[in-house]
Protein backbone atom coordinates (compact mmCIF):
# COMPACT_ATOMS: atom_id res chain seq x y z
CA MET A 1 -51.76 75.11 -34.48
CA ASP A 2 -48.57 73.46 -33.21
CA GLN A 3 -47.94 72.20 -29.70
CA ASP A 4 -45.93 75.26 -28.64
CA THR A 5 -48.66 77.62 -29.84
CA ARG A 6 -51.37 75.72 -27.95
CA HIS A 7 -49.21 75.81 -24.85
CA GLU A 8 -48.61 79.55 -25.09
CA LEU A 9 -52.30 80.31 -25.61
CA SER A 10 -53.65 78.09 -22.84
CA SER A 11 -51.13 78.06 -20.01
CA ARG A 12 -50.99 80.76 -17.36
CA ARG A 13 -47.71 79.28 -16.14
CA SER A 14 -45.80 79.65 -19.40
CA PRO A 15 -43.70 82.84 -19.63
CA GLY A 16 -44.37 82.73 -23.38
CA GLY A 17 -48.05 83.38 -22.72
CA VAL A 18 -47.51 86.31 -20.40
CA VAL A 19 -48.93 88.89 -22.85
CA ARG A 20 -52.29 87.09 -22.71
CA ALA A 21 -52.34 86.24 -19.04
CA SER A 22 -52.30 88.26 -15.87
CA LEU A 23 -49.04 88.58 -14.00
CA ASP A 24 -50.93 87.23 -10.99
CA GLY A 25 -49.99 83.70 -12.01
CA GLN A 26 -46.36 84.58 -12.75
CA PRO A 27 -44.54 84.97 -9.39
CA HIS A 28 -41.05 84.73 -10.86
CA LEU A 29 -41.77 87.39 -13.45
CA ARG A 30 -43.31 89.61 -10.78
CA ALA A 31 -40.15 89.18 -8.73
CA ALA A 32 -37.99 90.14 -11.71
CA LEU A 33 -40.11 93.24 -12.34
CA ALA A 34 -39.96 94.16 -8.64
CA LEU A 35 -36.16 93.92 -8.76
CA PHE A 36 -36.15 96.05 -11.89
CA ALA A 37 -38.31 98.66 -10.15
CA ASP A 38 -35.96 98.65 -7.14
CA LEU A 39 -33.02 99.28 -9.48
CA VAL A 40 -34.87 102.21 -11.04
CA HIS A 41 -35.60 103.70 -7.61
CA SER A 42 -32.00 103.15 -6.47
CA ALA A 43 -30.76 104.99 -9.55
CA GLY A 44 -32.87 108.01 -8.66
CA GLY A 45 -35.98 107.31 -10.69
CA GLY A 46 -37.10 108.97 -13.89
CA PRO A 47 -38.97 107.96 -17.03
CA VAL A 48 -38.90 104.26 -17.95
CA ALA A 49 -39.65 103.11 -21.49
CA ASP A 50 -41.53 99.83 -21.95
CA VAL A 51 -40.58 99.14 -25.57
CA GLY A 52 -42.89 96.73 -27.35
CA CYS A 53 -45.47 97.28 -24.62
CA GLY A 54 -48.33 95.47 -26.37
CA PRO A 55 -51.62 95.96 -24.47
CA GLY A 56 -49.83 97.85 -21.69
CA HIS A 57 -50.45 95.54 -18.72
CA VAL A 58 -46.76 95.38 -17.77
CA THR A 59 -46.44 99.16 -18.13
CA ALA A 60 -49.34 99.47 -15.69
CA HIS A 61 -47.75 96.94 -13.33
CA LEU A 62 -44.57 99.02 -13.22
CA GLN A 63 -46.63 102.11 -12.44
CA ARG A 64 -48.14 100.28 -9.49
CA LEU A 65 -44.57 99.62 -8.32
CA GLY A 66 -43.96 103.36 -8.30
CA VAL A 67 -42.11 103.52 -11.61
CA ASP A 68 -42.79 106.37 -14.05
CA ALA A 69 -43.31 103.98 -16.96
CA PHE A 70 -44.68 104.69 -20.42
CA GLY A 71 -45.26 102.33 -23.32
CA ILE A 72 -44.10 102.25 -26.94
CA ASP A 73 -45.33 99.77 -29.53
CA LEU A 74 -45.09 99.47 -33.30
CA SER A 75 -48.75 98.44 -33.60
CA PRO A 76 -51.35 101.23 -33.52
CA ALA A 77 -53.94 98.58 -32.61
CA MET A 78 -51.95 97.59 -29.53
CA ILE A 79 -51.56 101.23 -28.51
CA ASP A 80 -55.32 101.74 -28.89
CA ILE A 81 -55.93 98.76 -26.57
CA ALA A 82 -53.34 100.00 -24.07
CA ARG A 83 -54.87 103.47 -23.99
CA ARG A 84 -58.37 102.01 -23.62
CA ASP A 85 -57.41 99.65 -20.79
CA HIS A 86 -55.06 102.07 -18.99
CA PRO A 87 -56.39 105.57 -19.74
CA GLY A 88 -54.22 107.29 -17.17
CA LEU A 89 -50.92 106.15 -18.67
CA ARG A 90 -48.84 107.35 -21.59
CA PHE A 91 -48.62 105.16 -24.68
CA GLU A 92 -47.27 106.03 -28.12
CA VAL A 93 -46.66 104.36 -31.46
CA GLY A 94 -42.99 103.84 -32.19
CA SER A 95 -40.35 101.39 -33.28
CA MET A 96 -37.61 99.90 -31.14
CA THR A 97 -35.39 99.82 -34.22
CA ASP A 98 -35.63 103.63 -34.38
CA LEU A 99 -36.49 104.94 -30.92
CA GLN A 100 -37.58 108.57 -31.13
CA LEU A 101 -36.24 109.47 -27.69
CA ALA A 102 -33.50 111.90 -26.78
CA ASP A 103 -30.03 110.68 -25.89
CA ALA A 104 -29.55 109.76 -22.21
CA SER A 105 -33.14 110.83 -21.45
CA ILE A 106 -34.47 107.55 -20.02
CA ALA A 107 -33.82 106.11 -16.56
CA ALA A 108 -34.44 102.48 -17.57
CA VAL A 109 -35.76 100.36 -20.44
CA LEU A 110 -37.96 97.27 -20.37
CA ALA A 111 -38.10 94.93 -23.38
CA PHE A 112 -40.56 92.33 -22.09
CA TRP A 113 -41.07 89.60 -24.67
CA SER A 114 -40.71 92.19 -27.46
CA LEU A 115 -37.24 91.42 -28.84
CA ILE A 116 -38.68 88.04 -29.79
CA HIS A 117 -40.07 89.73 -32.92
CA ILE A 118 -36.72 91.26 -33.95
CA PRO A 119 -34.52 89.21 -36.32
CA ASP A 120 -30.94 88.53 -35.31
CA ASP A 121 -29.46 90.99 -37.80
CA GLU A 122 -31.41 93.88 -36.24
CA ILE A 123 -30.69 93.15 -32.57
CA ALA A 124 -27.53 95.26 -32.54
CA THR A 125 -29.52 98.22 -33.88
CA VAL A 126 -32.17 97.84 -31.18
CA LEU A 127 -29.64 97.50 -28.37
CA GLY A 128 -27.73 100.47 -29.76
CA HIS A 129 -30.86 102.62 -29.54
CA ILE A 130 -31.59 101.37 -26.03
CA ARG A 131 -28.05 102.24 -24.94
CA ARG A 132 -28.27 105.66 -26.61
CA VAL A 133 -31.49 106.69 -24.84
CA LEU A 134 -30.44 105.30 -21.44
CA ARG A 135 -28.64 107.35 -18.86
CA PRO A 136 -25.19 105.98 -17.96
CA GLY A 137 -25.71 103.17 -15.46
CA GLY A 138 -29.40 102.86 -16.32
CA PRO A 139 -30.84 99.34 -16.07
CA VAL A 140 -32.46 97.33 -18.85
CA LEU A 141 -34.57 94.19 -18.43
CA ILE A 142 -35.06 91.85 -21.37
CA GLY A 143 -37.49 88.91 -21.30
CA PHE A 144 -37.73 86.34 -24.09
CA HIS A 145 -38.45 82.75 -25.14
CA VAL A 146 -35.63 80.25 -24.69
CA GLY A 147 -34.71 78.10 -27.67
CA ASP A 148 -33.01 77.98 -31.03
CA GLN A 149 -35.91 78.16 -33.46
CA SER A 150 -38.22 80.70 -35.05
CA ARG A 151 -41.87 80.26 -35.97
CA LEU A 152 -44.52 82.30 -37.72
CA LYS A 153 -47.24 83.71 -35.46
CA THR A 154 -50.57 84.52 -37.10
CA GLU A 155 -52.71 85.58 -34.14
CA GLY A 156 -51.97 88.33 -31.67
CA TYR A 157 -53.44 89.67 -28.44
CA GLY A 158 -57.24 89.62 -28.47
CA GLY A 159 -57.33 87.40 -31.55
CA HIS A 160 -56.02 90.12 -33.86
CA PRO A 161 -54.59 88.66 -37.08
CA MET A 162 -50.88 89.19 -37.52
CA LYS A 163 -47.94 87.78 -39.40
CA VAL A 164 -44.74 88.03 -37.41
CA TYR A 165 -41.94 85.68 -36.57
CA VAL A 166 -41.23 84.70 -32.98
CA HIS A 167 -37.54 84.09 -32.37
CA ARG A 168 -36.33 81.94 -29.49
CA ARG A 169 -32.83 82.49 -28.15
CA GLN A 170 -30.40 81.11 -25.65
CA PRO A 171 -29.70 83.38 -22.64
CA ASP A 172 -25.94 83.22 -23.11
CA ARG A 173 -26.31 84.47 -26.67
CA VAL A 174 -28.46 87.42 -25.59
CA ALA A 175 -25.90 88.19 -22.86
CA VAL A 176 -23.14 88.37 -25.48
CA TRP A 177 -25.25 90.75 -27.58
CA LEU A 178 -25.75 92.99 -24.53
CA ARG A 179 -22.04 93.07 -23.72
CA ASP A 180 -21.17 93.83 -27.32
CA ALA A 181 -23.63 96.75 -27.23
CA GLY A 182 -21.99 98.33 -24.19
CA PHE A 183 -23.90 96.80 -21.28
CA THR A 184 -22.80 94.93 -18.17
CA VAL A 185 -24.96 91.89 -17.45
CA ASP A 186 -26.04 91.79 -13.79
CA ALA A 187 -28.48 88.86 -13.60
CA GLN A 188 -29.71 85.99 -15.73
CA MET A 189 -32.65 83.72 -14.90
CA VAL A 190 -34.43 80.91 -16.74
CA ILE A 191 -38.12 80.59 -15.88
CA GLY A 192 -40.06 77.38 -16.36
CA PRO A 193 -37.16 75.23 -17.60
CA ASP A 194 -39.43 72.16 -17.53
CA GLU A 195 -42.19 73.83 -19.55
CA VAL A 196 -42.66 73.28 -23.27
CA VAL A 197 -41.43 76.82 -23.85
CA ALA A 198 -39.14 78.22 -21.16
CA GLY A 199 -38.58 81.92 -20.64
CA ALA A 200 -35.54 83.91 -19.60
CA VAL A 201 -34.93 87.30 -18.02
CA LEU A 202 -31.69 89.22 -18.27
CA ILE A 203 -30.99 92.40 -16.31
CA ALA A 204 -28.09 94.61 -17.34
CA HIS A 205 -26.99 98.23 -17.04
CA ARG A 206 -25.51 100.69 -19.46
CA GLN A 207 -21.79 101.19 -19.18
CA PRO A 208 -20.60 104.84 -19.05
């Protein structure tokens, strides 16, 4: 286990470990999610897709903020955990590279440390689907690891074995991808710049 992996598994402060840790110890991420929820309310509300929702704890957090959020994840095991831990919420198996949602049917989209598993050559496809399902002007929040490297991850939430790559990216690069996909970038924040693995949050909205 390398230094970055140990840090992500053990630190409640690291944004990279947010899937395993409660948001209680993540004030900056809570603030970003609160802003996202405010943007959803200001836009008139409606269904919000948490794509790559994992165990569903962020989906549930958005619900507590008054957002009509539901979760989508590629892993049936993750969806089973999400449904078990949050029985009152909607979770479904699905892929962010092929979102089975109607055009302009979603008020907002959250991709919270989920694009980190998508290779560079598929990002445009994912962002194209997000733009397609969003209503014009709808906000999107993307959270991810900051960096320039990729590494193989072999253990997932709850110790489940997995074999996926985790891709770190620079915020400016992600911002360019968003603009190229038809979004306007509204905010960009780096979290934990002095940590071993920093995180970043970008908030954007779909252009008409």
